[in-house]
N, C-alpha and C. Protein backbone atom coordinates (compact mmCIF):
# COMPACT_ATOMS: atom_id res chain seq x y z
N UNK A 1 -193.71 -171.65 13.51
CA UNK A 1 -192.52 -171.32 12.76
C UNK A 1 -192.01 -170.00 13.16
N UNK A 2 -192.93 -169.11 13.63
CA UNK A 2 -192.29 -167.85 14.06
C UNK A 2 -191.28 -167.85 15.31
N UNK A 3 -191.61 -168.71 16.13
CA UNK A 3 -190.82 -168.79 17.39
C UNK A 3 -189.55 -169.61 17.03
N UNK A 4 -189.61 -170.40 16.13
CA UNK A 4 -188.40 -171.16 15.77
C UNK A 4 -187.46 -170.17 14.91
N UNK A 5 -187.95 -169.20 14.24
CA UNK A 5 -187.30 -168.12 13.64
C UNK A 5 -186.63 -167.20 14.65
N UNK A 6 -187.47 -166.93 15.73
CA UNK A 6 -186.93 -166.06 16.78
C UNK A 6 -185.81 -166.72 17.39
N UNK A 7 -185.81 -168.04 17.72
CA UNK A 7 -184.87 -168.87 18.40
C UNK A 7 -183.54 -168.79 17.36
N UNK A 8 -183.74 -168.97 16.14
CA UNK A 8 -182.63 -168.96 15.22
C UNK A 8 -181.80 -167.60 15.31
N UNK A 9 -182.38 -166.45 15.19
CA UNK A 9 -181.80 -165.26 15.18
C UNK A 9 -181.20 -164.85 16.64
N UNK A 10 -181.38 -165.68 17.52
CA UNK A 10 -180.73 -165.44 18.83
C UNK A 10 -179.38 -165.93 19.06
N UNK A 11 -179.03 -166.69 17.96
CA UNK A 11 -177.68 -167.21 18.05
C UNK A 11 -176.54 -166.08 18.39
N UNK A 12 -176.75 -164.90 17.78
CA UNK A 12 -175.73 -163.93 17.99
C UNK A 12 -176.05 -162.83 19.12
N UNK A 13 -177.09 -163.24 19.93
CA UNK A 13 -177.49 -162.54 21.10
C UNK A 13 -176.32 -162.62 22.25
N UNK A 14 -176.24 -161.67 23.01
CA UNK A 14 -175.26 -161.77 24.21
C UNK A 14 -175.56 -162.89 25.13
N UNK A 15 -176.85 -163.36 25.22
CA UNK A 15 -177.15 -164.55 26.00
C UNK A 15 -178.06 -165.55 25.20
N UNK A 16 -177.27 -166.18 24.21
CA UNK A 16 -178.05 -166.97 23.23
C UNK A 16 -178.59 -168.22 23.81
N UNK A 17 -178.10 -168.85 24.70
CA UNK A 17 -178.58 -170.12 25.11
C UNK A 17 -179.97 -169.88 25.87
N UNK A 18 -179.98 -168.93 26.73
CA UNK A 18 -181.22 -168.53 27.38
C UNK A 18 -182.38 -168.32 26.39
N UNK A 19 -182.04 -167.49 25.37
CA UNK A 19 -183.22 -167.17 24.53
C UNK A 19 -183.63 -168.18 23.50
N UNK A 20 -182.66 -169.03 23.11
CA UNK A 20 -183.00 -170.09 22.19
C UNK A 20 -183.84 -171.11 23.13
N UNK A 21 -183.54 -171.38 24.35
CA UNK A 21 -184.38 -172.16 25.10
C UNK A 21 -185.89 -171.60 25.26
N UNK A 22 -185.90 -170.16 25.54
CA UNK A 22 -187.20 -169.61 25.80
C UNK A 22 -187.97 -169.73 24.46
N UNK A 23 -187.45 -169.32 23.31
CA UNK A 23 -188.14 -169.45 22.02
C UNK A 23 -188.38 -170.91 21.65
N UNK A 24 -187.43 -171.75 21.88
CA UNK A 24 -187.70 -173.17 21.57
C UNK A 24 -188.77 -173.64 22.35
N UNK A 25 -188.81 -173.43 23.64
CA UNK A 25 -189.92 -174.08 24.41
C UNK A 25 -191.16 -173.49 23.98
N UNK A 26 -191.30 -172.18 23.66
CA UNK A 26 -192.52 -171.69 23.13
C UNK A 26 -192.88 -172.32 21.71
N UNK A 27 -191.88 -172.65 21.04
CA UNK A 27 -192.22 -173.40 19.79
C UNK A 27 -192.76 -174.73 20.00
N UNK A 28 -192.27 -175.40 21.01
CA UNK A 28 -192.80 -176.73 21.22
C UNK A 28 -194.15 -176.55 21.72
N UNK A 29 -194.63 -175.56 22.50
CA UNK A 29 -195.91 -175.40 23.06
C UNK A 29 -196.81 -175.12 21.74
N UNK A 30 -196.30 -174.35 20.84
CA UNK A 30 -197.07 -174.04 19.62
C UNK A 30 -197.34 -175.25 18.85
N UNK A 31 -196.29 -176.03 18.60
CA UNK A 31 -196.48 -177.27 17.86
C UNK A 31 -197.52 -178.21 18.54
N UNK A 32 -197.43 -178.33 19.88
CA UNK A 32 -198.37 -179.14 20.51
C UNK A 32 -199.76 -178.67 20.37
N UNK A 33 -200.00 -177.26 20.58
CA UNK A 33 -201.20 -176.64 20.36
C UNK A 33 -201.89 -176.89 18.96
N UNK A 34 -201.00 -176.75 17.96
CA UNK A 34 -201.40 -177.11 16.56
C UNK A 34 -202.06 -178.40 16.48
N UNK A 35 -201.67 -179.33 17.37
CA UNK A 35 -202.34 -180.71 17.28
C UNK A 35 -203.31 -180.93 18.43
N UNK A 36 -203.78 -179.71 18.98
CA UNK A 36 -204.64 -179.71 20.19
C UNK A 36 -204.20 -180.55 21.43
N UNK A 37 -202.96 -180.61 21.59
CA UNK A 37 -202.36 -181.39 22.73
C UNK A 37 -201.85 -180.35 23.70
N UNK A 38 -202.53 -180.15 24.70
CA UNK A 38 -202.20 -179.19 25.80
C UNK A 38 -201.63 -179.92 26.97
N UNK A 39 -200.35 -179.83 27.18
CA UNK A 39 -199.82 -180.33 28.50
C UNK A 39 -199.83 -179.22 29.57
N UNK A 40 -200.91 -179.17 30.43
CA UNK A 40 -201.06 -178.04 31.36
C UNK A 40 -199.89 -177.99 32.25
N UNK A 41 -199.20 -178.90 32.75
CA UNK A 41 -198.08 -178.95 33.67
C UNK A 41 -196.90 -178.14 33.02
N UNK A 42 -196.61 -178.54 31.61
CA UNK A 42 -195.63 -177.89 30.79
C UNK A 42 -195.97 -176.33 30.54
N UNK A 43 -197.14 -176.10 30.35
CA UNK A 43 -197.56 -174.64 30.08
C UNK A 43 -197.54 -173.84 31.33
N UNK A 44 -197.98 -174.41 32.46
CA UNK A 44 -197.84 -173.60 33.75
C UNK A 44 -196.40 -173.41 34.12
N UNK A 45 -195.42 -174.36 33.93
CA UNK A 45 -194.12 -174.30 34.20
C UNK A 45 -193.50 -173.18 33.42
N UNK A 46 -193.83 -173.23 32.12
CA UNK A 46 -193.27 -172.20 31.37
C UNK A 46 -193.77 -170.69 31.66
N UNK A 47 -195.03 -170.75 31.96
CA UNK A 47 -195.63 -169.35 32.34
C UNK A 47 -195.00 -168.95 33.64
N UNK A 48 -194.82 -169.80 34.55
CA UNK A 48 -194.22 -169.39 35.94
C UNK A 48 -192.77 -168.89 35.65
N UNK A 49 -191.98 -169.68 35.01
CA UNK A 49 -190.60 -169.38 34.67
C UNK A 49 -190.44 -168.07 34.02
N UNK A 50 -191.20 -167.98 32.88
CA UNK A 50 -191.17 -166.63 32.06
C UNK A 50 -191.78 -165.42 32.85
N UNK A 51 -192.68 -165.60 33.73
CA UNK A 51 -193.19 -164.59 34.46
C UNK A 51 -192.21 -164.06 35.47
N UNK A 52 -191.45 -164.98 36.14
CA UNK A 52 -190.45 -164.52 37.00
C UNK A 52 -189.30 -163.86 36.29
N UNK A 53 -188.93 -164.24 35.00
CA UNK A 53 -187.93 -163.51 34.37
C UNK A 53 -188.42 -162.21 34.01
N UNK A 54 -189.71 -162.09 33.58
CA UNK A 54 -190.31 -160.84 33.10
C UNK A 54 -190.20 -159.77 34.29
N UNK A 55 -190.38 -160.19 35.52
CA UNK A 55 -190.30 -159.14 36.52
C UNK A 55 -188.83 -158.70 36.65
N UNK A 56 -187.80 -159.40 36.44
CA UNK A 56 -186.43 -158.95 36.45
C UNK A 56 -186.16 -157.93 35.29
N UNK A 57 -186.83 -158.17 34.18
CA UNK A 57 -186.75 -157.30 32.99
C UNK A 57 -187.65 -155.99 32.99
N UNK A 58 -188.54 -155.98 33.89
CA UNK A 58 -189.51 -154.87 34.01
C UNK A 58 -188.64 -153.53 34.28
N UNK A 59 -187.87 -153.41 35.10
CA UNK A 59 -187.18 -152.12 35.23
C UNK A 59 -186.58 -151.49 34.04
N UNK A 60 -185.90 -152.39 33.06
CA UNK A 60 -185.52 -151.90 31.85
C UNK A 60 -186.44 -151.44 30.86
N UNK A 61 -187.69 -152.26 30.91
CA UNK A 61 -188.70 -151.85 30.07
C UNK A 61 -189.43 -150.50 30.45
N UNK A 62 -189.51 -150.37 31.79
CA UNK A 62 -189.97 -149.02 32.36
C UNK A 62 -189.20 -148.02 32.07
N UNK A 63 -187.81 -148.04 32.16
CA UNK A 63 -186.87 -147.01 31.76
C UNK A 63 -186.99 -146.63 30.46
N UNK A 64 -187.26 -147.67 29.38
CA UNK A 64 -187.33 -147.25 28.15
C UNK A 64 -188.70 -146.56 27.85
N UNK A 65 -189.74 -147.08 28.45
CA UNK A 65 -191.06 -146.52 28.30
C UNK A 65 -190.99 -145.02 28.83
N UNK A 66 -190.36 -144.70 29.84
CA UNK A 66 -190.40 -143.32 30.40
C UNK A 66 -189.29 -142.40 29.73
N UNK A 67 -188.54 -142.94 28.79
CA UNK A 67 -187.50 -142.26 28.13
C UNK A 67 -188.21 -141.24 27.10
N UNK A 68 -187.45 -140.25 26.68
CA UNK A 68 -188.07 -139.20 25.79
C UNK A 68 -187.92 -139.74 24.37
N UNK A 69 -187.15 -140.72 24.20
CA UNK A 69 -186.97 -141.13 22.68
C UNK A 69 -187.28 -142.64 22.67
N UNK A 70 -188.53 -143.07 22.52
CA UNK A 70 -188.87 -144.46 22.42
C UNK A 70 -188.42 -145.13 21.20
N UNK A 71 -188.09 -144.41 20.15
CA UNK A 71 -187.65 -144.92 18.85
C UNK A 71 -186.34 -145.68 19.08
N UNK A 72 -185.58 -145.50 20.19
CA UNK A 72 -184.37 -146.23 20.41
C UNK A 72 -184.53 -147.66 20.42
N UNK A 73 -185.69 -148.15 20.73
CA UNK A 73 -186.00 -149.62 20.79
C UNK A 73 -185.65 -150.22 19.41
N UNK A 74 -185.71 -149.48 18.33
CA UNK A 74 -185.43 -150.08 17.02
C UNK A 74 -184.17 -149.57 16.46
N UNK A 75 -183.33 -148.91 17.26
CA UNK A 75 -181.95 -148.42 16.86
C UNK A 75 -181.05 -149.62 17.31
N UNK A 76 -180.29 -150.09 16.28
CA UNK A 76 -179.34 -151.17 16.48
C UNK A 76 -178.09 -150.66 17.32
N UNK A 77 -177.78 -149.44 17.19
CA UNK A 77 -176.61 -148.96 18.05
C UNK A 77 -177.03 -148.58 19.44
N UNK A 78 -178.34 -148.38 19.75
CA UNK A 78 -178.82 -147.92 21.11
C UNK A 78 -178.56 -148.90 22.16
N UNK A 79 -178.58 -150.18 21.83
CA UNK A 79 -178.40 -151.30 22.76
C UNK A 79 -176.97 -151.32 23.36
N UNK A 80 -176.10 -150.70 22.40
CA UNK A 80 -174.73 -150.65 23.05
C UNK A 80 -174.62 -149.45 23.92
N UNK A 81 -175.47 -148.28 23.75
CA UNK A 81 -175.23 -147.10 24.52
C UNK A 81 -176.10 -147.28 25.85
N UNK A 82 -177.22 -147.85 25.75
CA UNK A 82 -178.15 -147.95 26.86
C UNK A 82 -178.51 -149.48 27.12
N UNK A 83 -178.30 -149.88 28.40
CA UNK A 83 -178.56 -151.30 28.79
C UNK A 83 -180.04 -151.58 28.79
N UNK A 84 -180.81 -150.55 29.01
CA UNK A 84 -182.24 -150.75 29.29
C UNK A 84 -182.89 -151.02 27.84
N UNK A 85 -182.28 -150.77 26.78
CA UNK A 85 -182.83 -151.05 25.45
C UNK A 85 -182.89 -152.46 25.17
N UNK A 86 -181.77 -153.17 25.56
CA UNK A 86 -181.85 -154.78 25.33
C UNK A 86 -182.76 -155.40 26.34
N UNK A 87 -182.83 -154.75 27.59
CA UNK A 87 -183.81 -155.26 28.53
C UNK A 87 -185.25 -155.07 28.12
N UNK A 88 -185.53 -153.99 27.53
CA UNK A 88 -186.86 -153.59 27.06
C UNK A 88 -187.28 -154.66 25.81
N UNK A 89 -186.39 -154.87 24.89
CA UNK A 89 -186.48 -155.79 23.90
C UNK A 89 -186.86 -157.21 24.35
N UNK A 90 -186.03 -157.61 25.29
CA UNK A 90 -186.16 -158.92 25.85
C UNK A 90 -187.57 -158.93 26.58
N UNK A 91 -188.00 -157.87 27.30
CA UNK A 91 -189.28 -157.87 27.99
C UNK A 91 -190.48 -158.09 27.06
N UNK A 92 -190.36 -157.44 25.91
CA UNK A 92 -191.44 -157.53 24.79
C UNK A 92 -191.43 -158.88 24.31
N UNK A 93 -190.29 -159.45 23.84
CA UNK A 93 -190.28 -160.79 23.38
C UNK A 93 -190.70 -161.78 24.30
N UNK A 94 -190.38 -161.71 25.60
CA UNK A 94 -190.84 -162.52 26.61
C UNK A 94 -192.50 -162.46 26.75
N UNK A 95 -192.84 -161.21 26.66
CA UNK A 95 -194.35 -160.83 26.89
C UNK A 95 -195.13 -161.51 25.70
N UNK A 96 -194.58 -161.65 24.47
CA UNK A 96 -195.21 -162.27 23.33
C UNK A 96 -195.32 -163.78 23.72
N UNK A 97 -194.30 -164.30 24.22
CA UNK A 97 -194.39 -165.74 24.55
C UNK A 97 -195.32 -166.05 25.61
N UNK A 98 -195.51 -165.15 26.54
CA UNK A 98 -196.29 -165.35 27.72
C UNK A 98 -197.93 -165.30 27.31
N UNK A 99 -198.03 -164.25 26.32
CA UNK A 99 -199.44 -164.22 25.93
C UNK A 99 -199.83 -165.46 24.97
N UNK A 100 -198.90 -166.09 24.25
CA UNK A 100 -199.25 -167.32 23.49
C UNK A 100 -199.49 -168.44 24.51
N UNK A 101 -198.69 -168.52 25.60
CA UNK A 101 -198.85 -169.51 26.61
C UNK A 101 -200.15 -169.39 27.39
N UNK A 102 -200.51 -168.32 27.72
CA UNK A 102 -201.83 -168.07 28.38
C UNK A 102 -202.94 -168.43 27.41
N UNK A 103 -202.91 -168.09 26.12
CA UNK A 103 -204.02 -168.53 25.19
C UNK A 103 -204.11 -170.02 25.18
N UNK A 104 -202.94 -170.75 25.15
CA UNK A 104 -202.87 -172.19 25.07
C UNK A 104 -203.47 -172.77 26.46
N UNK A 105 -203.13 -172.10 27.58
CA UNK A 105 -203.50 -172.71 28.75
C UNK A 105 -205.14 -172.51 28.95
N UNK A 106 -205.59 -171.36 28.40
CA UNK A 106 -206.99 -171.12 28.36
C UNK A 106 -207.66 -172.29 27.55
N UNK A 107 -207.26 -172.40 26.42
CA UNK A 107 -207.75 -173.42 25.42
C UNK A 107 -207.60 -174.79 25.95
N UNK A 108 -206.75 -175.02 26.95
CA UNK A 108 -206.50 -176.48 27.54
C UNK A 108 -207.63 -176.65 28.39
N UNK A 109 -208.38 -175.77 28.85
CA UNK A 109 -209.50 -175.81 29.84
C UNK A 109 -210.76 -175.91 29.08
N UNK A 110 -210.76 -175.56 27.80
CA UNK A 110 -211.94 -175.64 26.88
C UNK A 110 -212.50 -177.02 26.70
N UNK A 111 -213.77 -177.14 26.74
CA UNK A 111 -214.29 -178.50 26.52
C UNK A 111 -214.43 -178.92 25.04
N UNK A 112 -214.29 -177.82 24.03
CA UNK A 112 -214.39 -178.23 22.61
C UNK A 112 -213.05 -178.80 22.26
N UNK A 113 -211.90 -178.47 22.79
CA UNK A 113 -210.64 -178.97 22.35
C UNK A 113 -210.24 -180.22 22.97
């Protein structure tokens, strides 16, 4: 439900289609995991796709992390002033998706599930 909520609030994002797809796909993976149905090819495809995109967002995250005022990440006006703020937010959102997918992929290899 959380990732569906994330997808819903992306409608007013500068690139809504991309982020609705990212969070929507992660929602599908979560729903499948809730029923202990792990489609390894789907999980691997998402992990590879998200990881490639994460590499492109890394410079923005690094610039935010090295900045003197890290609280700008939560400032609504800062994303208008500094491009790296939006990239850092997207990096962290994508990282959350990747962590979930890695957990699901690990569980897919478990003999208990």
